Amino acid sequence: MPVPANFSIVTLGVADLDTSIAFYEAWGWEMRGARHDGIVWFKTAATWLGLFPMAELAEDTGLENPASLPAFRGSTLAINVLSVEEVDDAFAVVVAAGATLVKAPESMEWGGYAGYVADPDGHLWEICYNPFFMITEGQIHIP
């Protein structure tokens, strides 16, 4: 039996849960439910974003909690929007919320427009307009 292709939750380890909650709420995202065993949830278009204290997430996985994390962790999270203007508008909101500008939005050689920010814990977010991806009801459809 194959593993279902149903990506349902991304959980980010965070240093300060209250700071991270305020950060994502400043993006305009709504926290759902109450804190459950120290974890909080934000609903996205088709998945959930969980925020969990870093040490507790490390303990949950059975791995050691590193003293410091590298700036580049080999992964990014992406938000795709409908236009170049929406990328710029989203950047204005997230930077005002306290995101660190990693790479300002720019035209890409393949025809899109994108840039990167980091949240208070260094998790990288790409905000992108890709003219080749159709977006309906907040979900992208990749040909």
N, C-alpha and C. Protein backbone atom coordinates (compact mmCIF):
# COMPACT_ATOMS: atom_id res chain seq x y z
N MET A 1 0.84 -1.18 0.00
CA MET A 1 0.00 0.00 0.00
C MET A 1 0.89 1.24 0.00
N PRO A 2 0.68 2.18 -0.90
CA PRO A 2 1.49 3.40 -0.92
C PRO A 2 1.13 4.33 0.24
N VAL A 3 2.05 5.19 0.58
CA VAL A 3 1.81 6.21 1.60
C VAL A 3 0.91 7.29 0.99
N PRO A 4 -0.18 7.67 1.64
CA PRO A 4 -1.06 8.69 1.08
C PRO A 4 -0.32 10.02 0.89
N ALA A 5 -0.51 10.65 -0.25
CA ALA A 5 0.09 11.96 -0.53
C ALA A 5 -0.82 13.04 0.06
N ASN A 6 -0.89 13.04 1.38
CA ASN A 6 -1.76 13.96 2.10
C ASN A 6 -0.93 14.70 3.14
N PHE A 7 -0.20 15.69 2.69
CA PHE A 7 0.65 16.48 3.55
C PHE A 7 -0.25 17.36 4.40
N SER A 8 -0.33 17.10 5.70
CA SER A 8 -1.36 17.76 6.48
C SER A 8 -0.87 18.79 7.49
N ILE A 9 0.35 18.62 8.02
CA ILE A 9 0.84 19.53 9.05
C ILE A 9 2.33 19.78 8.86
N VAL A 10 2.73 21.03 9.04
CA VAL A 10 4.14 21.40 9.18
C VAL A 10 4.28 21.93 10.60
N THR A 11 5.18 21.34 11.38
CA THR A 11 5.41 21.81 12.74
C THR A 11 6.78 22.45 12.81
N LEU A 12 6.83 23.69 13.28
CA LEU A 12 8.08 24.41 13.42
C LEU A 12 8.48 24.46 14.89
N GLY A 13 9.72 24.13 15.17
CA GLY A 13 10.25 24.30 16.51
C GLY A 13 10.58 25.77 16.71
N VAL A 14 10.13 26.34 17.83
CA VAL A 14 10.33 27.76 18.09
C VAL A 14 10.96 27.98 19.47
N ALA A 15 11.74 29.06 19.57
CA ALA A 15 12.41 29.38 20.84
C ALA A 15 11.43 29.96 21.85
N ASP A 16 10.51 30.80 21.38
CA ASP A 16 9.56 31.46 22.28
C ASP A 16 8.17 31.39 21.65
N LEU A 17 7.32 30.57 22.22
CA LEU A 17 6.00 30.33 21.65
C LEU A 17 5.18 31.60 21.54
N ASP A 18 5.17 32.44 22.57
CA ASP A 18 4.38 33.67 22.53
C ASP A 18 4.85 34.62 21.42
N THR A 19 6.17 34.73 21.25
CA THR A 19 6.72 35.58 20.19
C THR A 19 6.29 35.06 18.83
N SER A 20 6.36 33.76 18.64
CA SER A 20 5.98 33.18 17.34
C SER A 20 4.49 33.30 17.07
N ILE A 21 3.67 33.13 18.10
CA ILE A 21 2.23 33.30 17.93
C ILE A 21 1.94 34.73 17.47
N ALA A 22 2.52 35.71 18.16
CA ALA A 22 2.30 37.11 17.79
C ALA A 22 2.80 37.39 16.38
N PHE A 23 3.92 36.80 15.99
CA PHE A 23 4.50 36.99 14.67
C PHE A 23 3.54 36.50 13.59
N TYR A 24 3.04 35.29 13.69
CA TYR A 24 2.15 34.76 12.66
C TYR A 24 0.76 35.41 12.71
N GLU A 25 0.31 35.81 13.88
CA GLU A 25 -0.95 36.57 13.94
C GLU A 25 -0.79 37.92 13.24
N ALA A 26 0.40 38.52 13.31
CA ALA A 26 0.64 39.79 12.62
C ALA A 26 0.64 39.62 11.10
N TRP A 27 0.81 38.39 10.63
CA TRP A 27 0.68 38.10 9.20
C TRP A 27 -0.79 38.11 8.78
N GLY A 28 -1.68 38.10 9.80
CA GLY A 28 -3.10 38.01 9.52
C GLY A 28 -3.62 36.59 9.62
N TRP A 29 -2.79 35.67 10.12
CA TRP A 29 -3.19 34.27 10.25
C TRP A 29 -3.90 34.08 11.58
N GLU A 30 -4.89 33.19 11.57
CA GLU A 30 -5.71 32.96 12.75
C GLU A 30 -5.27 31.69 13.47
N MET A 31 -4.95 31.85 14.75
CA MET A 31 -4.64 30.68 15.56
C MET A 31 -5.95 29.97 15.87
N ARG A 32 -5.96 28.67 15.76
CA ARG A 32 -7.17 27.90 16.02
C ARG A 32 -7.01 27.10 17.30
N GLY A 33 -8.10 27.00 18.02
CA GLY A 33 -8.10 26.21 19.24
C GLY A 33 -7.22 26.81 20.32
N ALA A 34 -7.05 26.08 21.37
CA ALA A 34 -6.21 26.50 22.49
C ALA A 34 -4.88 25.76 22.41
N ARG A 35 -3.96 26.19 23.25
CA ARG A 35 -2.69 25.47 23.32
C ARG A 35 -2.97 24.05 23.80
N HIS A 36 -2.47 23.09 23.06
CA HIS A 36 -2.63 21.69 23.45
C HIS A 36 -1.24 21.13 23.73
N ASP A 37 -0.96 20.90 25.00
CA ASP A 37 0.36 20.38 25.39
C ASP A 37 1.48 21.24 24.84
N GLY A 38 1.27 22.57 24.84
CA GLY A 38 2.32 23.48 24.43
C GLY A 38 2.40 23.75 22.94
N ILE A 39 1.54 23.14 22.14
CA ILE A 39 1.57 23.35 20.70
C ILE A 39 0.36 24.20 20.30
N VAL A 40 0.55 25.04 19.30
CA VAL A 40 -0.55 25.84 18.77
C VAL A 40 -0.67 25.59 17.27
N TRP A 41 -1.84 25.91 16.73
CA TRP A 41 -2.14 25.61 15.34
C TRP A 41 -2.63 26.85 14.60
N PHE A 42 -2.17 26.98 13.36
CA PHE A 42 -2.66 27.99 12.44
C PHE A 42 -3.16 27.27 11.19
N LYS A 43 -4.40 27.55 10.79
CA LYS A 43 -4.98 26.93 9.59
C LYS A 43 -4.46 27.66 8.36
N THR A 44 -4.04 26.89 7.38
CA THR A 44 -3.66 27.45 6.08
C THR A 44 -4.65 26.90 5.06
N ALA A 45 -4.43 27.17 3.79
CA ALA A 45 -5.40 26.79 2.77
C ALA A 45 -5.72 25.29 2.78
N ALA A 46 -4.70 24.45 2.88
CA ALA A 46 -4.96 23.02 2.80
C ALA A 46 -4.24 22.22 3.88
N THR A 47 -3.50 22.91 4.75
CA THR A 47 -2.73 22.22 5.78
C THR A 47 -2.83 23.01 7.08
N TRP A 48 -2.07 22.60 8.05
CA TRP A 48 -1.96 23.29 9.33
C TRP A 48 -0.50 23.59 9.59
N LEU A 49 -0.25 24.75 10.22
CA LEU A 49 1.08 25.10 10.70
C LEU A 49 1.04 24.96 12.21
N GLY A 50 1.91 24.11 12.74
CA GLY A 50 2.02 23.95 14.19
C GLY A 50 3.26 24.67 14.69
N LEU A 51 3.16 25.28 15.86
CA LEU A 51 4.30 25.90 16.53
C LEU A 51 4.49 25.18 17.85
N PHE A 52 5.70 24.68 18.09
CA PHE A 52 5.98 23.84 19.24
C PHE A 52 7.34 24.27 19.80
N PRO A 53 7.48 24.46 21.09
CA PRO A 53 8.78 24.83 21.64
C PRO A 53 9.88 23.87 21.15
N MET A 54 11.00 24.45 20.72
CA MET A 54 12.09 23.69 20.10
C MET A 54 12.55 22.51 20.95
N ALA A 55 12.81 22.73 22.24
CA ALA A 55 13.30 21.66 23.10
C ALA A 55 12.29 20.52 23.20
N GLU A 56 11.01 20.88 23.26
CA GLU A 56 9.98 19.85 23.36
C GLU A 56 9.82 19.08 22.04
N LEU A 57 9.99 19.79 20.92
CA LEU A 57 9.93 19.11 19.63
C LEU A 57 11.10 18.15 19.48
N ALA A 58 12.30 18.57 19.91
CA ALA A 58 13.46 17.68 19.86
C ALA A 58 13.22 16.44 20.72
N GLU A 59 12.67 16.66 21.92
CA GLU A 59 12.38 15.54 22.82
C GLU A 59 11.35 14.59 22.19
N ASP A 60 10.33 15.17 21.56
CA ASP A 60 9.29 14.36 20.92
C ASP A 60 9.86 13.48 19.82
N THR A 61 10.85 14.00 19.09
CA THR A 61 11.46 13.23 18.00
C THR A 61 12.49 12.22 18.49
N GLY A 62 12.98 12.42 19.72
CA GLY A 62 14.02 11.55 20.24
C GLY A 62 15.41 11.99 19.82
N LEU A 63 15.49 13.19 19.22
CA LEU A 63 16.78 13.72 18.80
C LEU A 63 17.26 14.78 19.78
N GLU A 64 18.56 15.04 19.75
CA GLU A 64 19.14 16.05 20.63
C GLU A 64 18.79 17.45 20.12
N ASN A 65 18.47 18.34 21.04
CA ASN A 65 18.20 19.73 20.70
C ASN A 65 19.53 20.46 20.55
N PRO A 66 19.87 20.92 19.33
CA PRO A 66 21.16 21.58 19.15
C PRO A 66 21.19 22.93 19.85
N ALA A 67 22.40 23.34 20.28
CA ALA A 67 22.55 24.64 20.96
C ALA A 67 22.25 25.78 20.01
N SER A 68 22.57 25.61 18.74
CA SER A 68 22.25 26.64 17.75
C SER A 68 21.93 25.96 16.42
N LEU A 69 21.18 26.65 15.60
CA LEU A 69 20.77 26.10 14.31
C LEU A 69 21.46 26.86 13.19
N PRO A 70 21.77 26.18 12.10
CA PRO A 70 22.37 26.89 10.96
C PRO A 70 21.35 27.82 10.31
N ALA A 71 21.82 28.88 9.66
CA ALA A 71 20.92 29.80 8.97
C ALA A 71 20.19 29.09 7.84
N PHE A 72 20.90 28.24 7.11
CA PHE A 72 20.26 27.47 6.04
C PHE A 72 20.13 26.03 6.49
N ARG A 73 18.90 25.57 6.56
CA ARG A 73 18.61 24.23 7.09
C ARG A 73 18.23 23.24 6.01
N GLY A 74 18.35 23.64 4.74
CA GLY A 74 18.05 22.72 3.66
C GLY A 74 16.59 22.63 3.32
N SER A 75 15.77 23.56 3.82
CA SER A 75 14.36 23.54 3.48
C SER A 75 13.79 24.96 3.54
N THR A 76 12.72 25.16 2.80
CA THR A 76 11.99 26.42 2.85
C THR A 76 10.51 26.10 2.83
N LEU A 77 9.72 27.05 3.27
CA LEU A 77 8.27 26.98 3.16
C LEU A 77 7.89 28.03 2.12
N ALA A 78 6.86 27.78 1.34
CA ALA A 78 6.52 28.71 0.27
C ALA A 78 5.06 29.12 0.32
N ILE A 79 4.85 30.39 0.03
CA ILE A 79 3.51 30.94 -0.14
C ILE A 79 3.45 31.46 -1.57
N ASN A 80 2.54 30.91 -2.35
CA ASN A 80 2.36 31.35 -3.73
C ASN A 80 1.15 32.26 -3.81
N VAL A 81 1.32 33.37 -4.53
CA VAL A 81 0.26 34.36 -4.66
C VAL A 81 -0.03 34.61 -6.14
N LEU A 82 -1.03 35.44 -6.41
CA LEU A 82 -1.56 35.60 -7.76
C LEU A 82 -0.87 36.64 -8.64
N SER A 83 0.02 37.47 -8.06
CA SER A 83 0.63 38.53 -8.87
C SER A 83 1.92 39.05 -8.22
N VAL A 84 2.68 39.78 -9.02
CA VAL A 84 3.88 40.45 -8.52
C VAL A 84 3.50 41.41 -7.40
N GLU A 85 2.41 42.13 -7.57
CA GLU A 85 1.96 43.09 -6.56
C GLU A 85 1.62 42.40 -5.25
N GLU A 86 1.03 41.21 -5.32
CA GLU A 86 0.71 40.47 -4.09
C GLU A 86 1.98 40.02 -3.37
N VAL A 87 3.03 39.70 -4.12
CA VAL A 87 4.31 39.37 -3.49
C VAL A 87 4.80 40.58 -2.70
N ASP A 88 4.83 41.74 -3.36
CA ASP A 88 5.29 42.96 -2.69
C ASP A 88 4.43 43.30 -1.48
N ASP A 89 3.12 43.17 -1.61
CA ASP A 89 2.21 43.46 -0.50
C ASP A 89 2.47 42.50 0.67
N ALA A 90 2.64 41.21 0.37
CA ALA A 90 2.89 40.22 1.42
C ALA A 90 4.23 40.50 2.10
N PHE A 91 5.24 40.87 1.33
CA PHE A 91 6.53 41.21 1.92
C PHE A 91 6.40 42.38 2.89
N ALA A 92 5.63 43.39 2.52
CA ALA A 92 5.44 44.54 3.40
C ALA A 92 4.83 44.10 4.73
N VAL A 93 3.85 43.20 4.68
CA VAL A 93 3.19 42.72 5.91
C VAL A 93 4.15 41.91 6.77
N VAL A 94 4.85 40.95 6.17
CA VAL A 94 5.68 40.05 6.98
C VAL A 94 6.91 40.77 7.55
N VAL A 95 7.48 41.69 6.80
CA VAL A 95 8.62 42.46 7.31
C VAL A 95 8.15 43.38 8.44
N ALA A 96 6.98 44.00 8.30
CA ALA A 96 6.43 44.83 9.38
C ALA A 96 6.15 43.98 10.62
N ALA A 97 5.84 42.70 10.43
CA ALA A 97 5.57 41.79 11.55
C ALA A 97 6.86 41.36 12.24
N GLY A 98 8.01 41.66 11.64
CA GLY A 98 9.28 41.30 12.27
C GLY A 98 10.10 40.27 11.53
N ALA A 99 9.66 39.86 10.34
CA ALA A 99 10.45 38.91 9.55
C ALA A 99 11.77 39.55 9.15
N THR A 100 12.80 38.74 9.06
CA THR A 100 14.09 39.20 8.57
C THR A 100 14.12 39.05 7.06
N LEU A 101 14.42 40.12 6.38
CA LEU A 101 14.53 40.07 4.92
C LEU A 101 15.80 39.30 4.57
N VAL A 102 15.65 38.18 3.87
CA VAL A 102 16.78 37.35 3.46
C VAL A 102 17.16 37.68 2.03
N LYS A 103 16.17 37.76 1.17
CA LYS A 103 16.39 38.08 -0.25
C LYS A 103 15.17 38.85 -0.73
N ALA A 104 15.38 40.10 -1.13
CA ALA A 104 14.27 40.93 -1.59
C ALA A 104 13.63 40.31 -2.83
N PRO A 105 12.32 40.51 -3.01
CA PRO A 105 11.67 39.97 -4.20
C PRO A 105 12.33 40.51 -5.47
N GLU A 106 12.45 39.61 -6.44
CA GLU A 106 13.04 39.99 -7.72
C GLU A 106 12.47 39.12 -8.82
N SER A 107 12.57 39.62 -10.05
CA SER A 107 12.15 38.84 -11.21
C SER A 107 13.12 37.69 -11.39
N MET A 108 12.55 36.53 -11.63
CA MET A 108 13.35 35.31 -11.78
C MET A 108 13.55 35.02 -13.27
N GLU A 109 14.64 34.38 -13.61
CA GLU A 109 14.93 34.10 -15.02
C GLU A 109 13.89 33.20 -15.67
N TRP A 110 13.16 32.43 -14.88
CA TRP A 110 12.15 31.51 -15.43
C TRP A 110 10.79 32.17 -15.58
N GLY A 111 10.68 33.47 -15.23
CA GLY A 111 9.43 34.19 -15.46
C GLY A 111 8.62 34.54 -14.23
N GLY A 112 9.04 34.08 -13.08
CA GLY A 112 8.32 34.38 -11.85
C GLY A 112 8.92 35.55 -11.11
N TYR A 113 8.46 35.75 -9.89
CA TYR A 113 8.89 36.85 -9.04
C TYR A 113 8.85 36.33 -7.62
N ALA A 114 9.98 36.41 -6.91
CA ALA A 114 10.02 35.79 -5.58
C ALA A 114 11.11 36.39 -4.72
N GLY A 115 10.98 36.17 -3.41
CA GLY A 115 11.99 36.55 -2.44
C GLY A 115 11.82 35.71 -1.18
N TYR A 116 12.71 35.92 -0.21
CA TYR A 116 12.72 35.12 1.01
C TYR A 116 12.79 35.99 2.25
N VAL A 117 12.11 35.52 3.30
CA VAL A 117 12.21 36.10 4.64
C VAL A 117 12.44 34.95 5.63
N ALA A 118 12.86 35.32 6.83
CA ALA A 118 13.01 34.34 7.91
C ALA A 118 12.14 34.78 9.09
N ASP A 119 11.51 33.81 9.74
CA ASP A 119 10.72 34.10 10.93
C ASP A 119 11.66 34.29 12.13
N PRO A 120 11.15 34.56 13.32
CA PRO A 120 12.02 34.82 14.47
C PRO A 120 12.99 33.68 14.80
N ASP A 121 12.68 32.46 14.35
CA ASP A 121 13.56 31.31 14.61
C ASP A 121 14.40 30.92 13.42
N GLY A 122 14.35 31.73 12.36
CA GLY A 122 15.18 31.47 11.18
C GLY A 122 14.55 30.54 10.16
N HIS A 123 13.29 30.13 10.36
CA HIS A 123 12.62 29.31 9.35
C HIS A 123 12.41 30.16 8.11
N LEU A 124 12.85 29.66 6.97
CA LEU A 124 12.79 30.43 5.73
C LEU A 124 11.45 30.28 5.03
N TRP A 125 10.92 31.41 4.60
CA TRP A 125 9.67 31.46 3.85
C TRP A 125 9.94 32.13 2.50
N GLU A 126 9.51 31.48 1.44
CA GLU A 126 9.55 32.10 0.11
C GLU A 126 8.15 32.63 -0.17
N ILE A 127 8.09 33.84 -0.69
CA ILE A 127 6.82 34.37 -1.18
C ILE A 127 7.01 34.56 -2.67
N CYS A 128 6.13 33.92 -3.45
CA CYS A 128 6.40 33.78 -4.88
C CYS A 128 5.15 33.96 -5.74
N TYR A 129 5.35 34.58 -6.89
CA TYR A 129 4.36 34.57 -7.95
C TYR A 129 4.95 33.73 -9.07
N ASN A 130 4.26 32.67 -9.45
CA ASN A 130 4.67 31.81 -10.55
C ASN A 130 3.55 31.84 -11.59
N PRO A 131 3.79 32.47 -12.74
CA PRO A 131 2.72 32.59 -13.73
C PRO A 131 2.29 31.25 -14.33
N PHE A 132 3.04 30.20 -14.04
CA PHE A 132 2.72 28.88 -14.60
C PHE A 132 1.90 28.01 -13.65
N PHE A 133 1.69 28.49 -12.41
CA PHE A 133 0.90 27.76 -11.43
C PHE A 133 -0.47 28.42 -11.31
N MET A 134 -1.51 27.64 -11.39
CA MET A 134 -2.85 28.16 -11.18
C MET A 134 -3.17 28.05 -9.69
N ILE A 135 -3.78 29.09 -9.13
CA ILE A 135 -4.17 29.10 -7.73
C ILE A 135 -5.67 29.25 -7.64
N THR A 136 -6.30 28.30 -6.95
CA THR A 136 -7.75 28.40 -6.68
C THR A 136 -7.97 28.09 -5.21
N GLU A 137 -8.78 28.92 -4.59
CA GLU A 137 -9.13 28.77 -3.17
C GLU A 137 -7.88 28.61 -2.30
N GLY A 138 -6.82 29.35 -2.65
CA GLY A 138 -5.60 29.33 -1.85
C GLY A 138 -4.68 28.16 -2.10
N GLN A 139 -5.08 27.24 -2.96
CA GLN A 139 -4.25 26.07 -3.25
C GLN A 139 -3.66 26.20 -4.65
N ILE A 140 -2.39 25.80 -4.78
CA ILE A 140 -1.78 25.86 -6.10
C ILE A 140 -1.97 24.54 -6.83
N HIS A 141 -2.03 24.65 -8.13
CA HIS A 141 -2.16 23.49 -9.00
C HIS A 141 -0.95 23.53 -9.93
N ILE A 142 -0.10 22.54 -9.79
CA ILE A 142 1.13 22.48 -10.58
C ILE A 142 0.91 21.54 -11.76
N PRO A 143 1.12 22.07 -12.98
CA PRO A 143 0.90 21.22 -14.16
C PRO A 143 1.89 20.06 -14.24
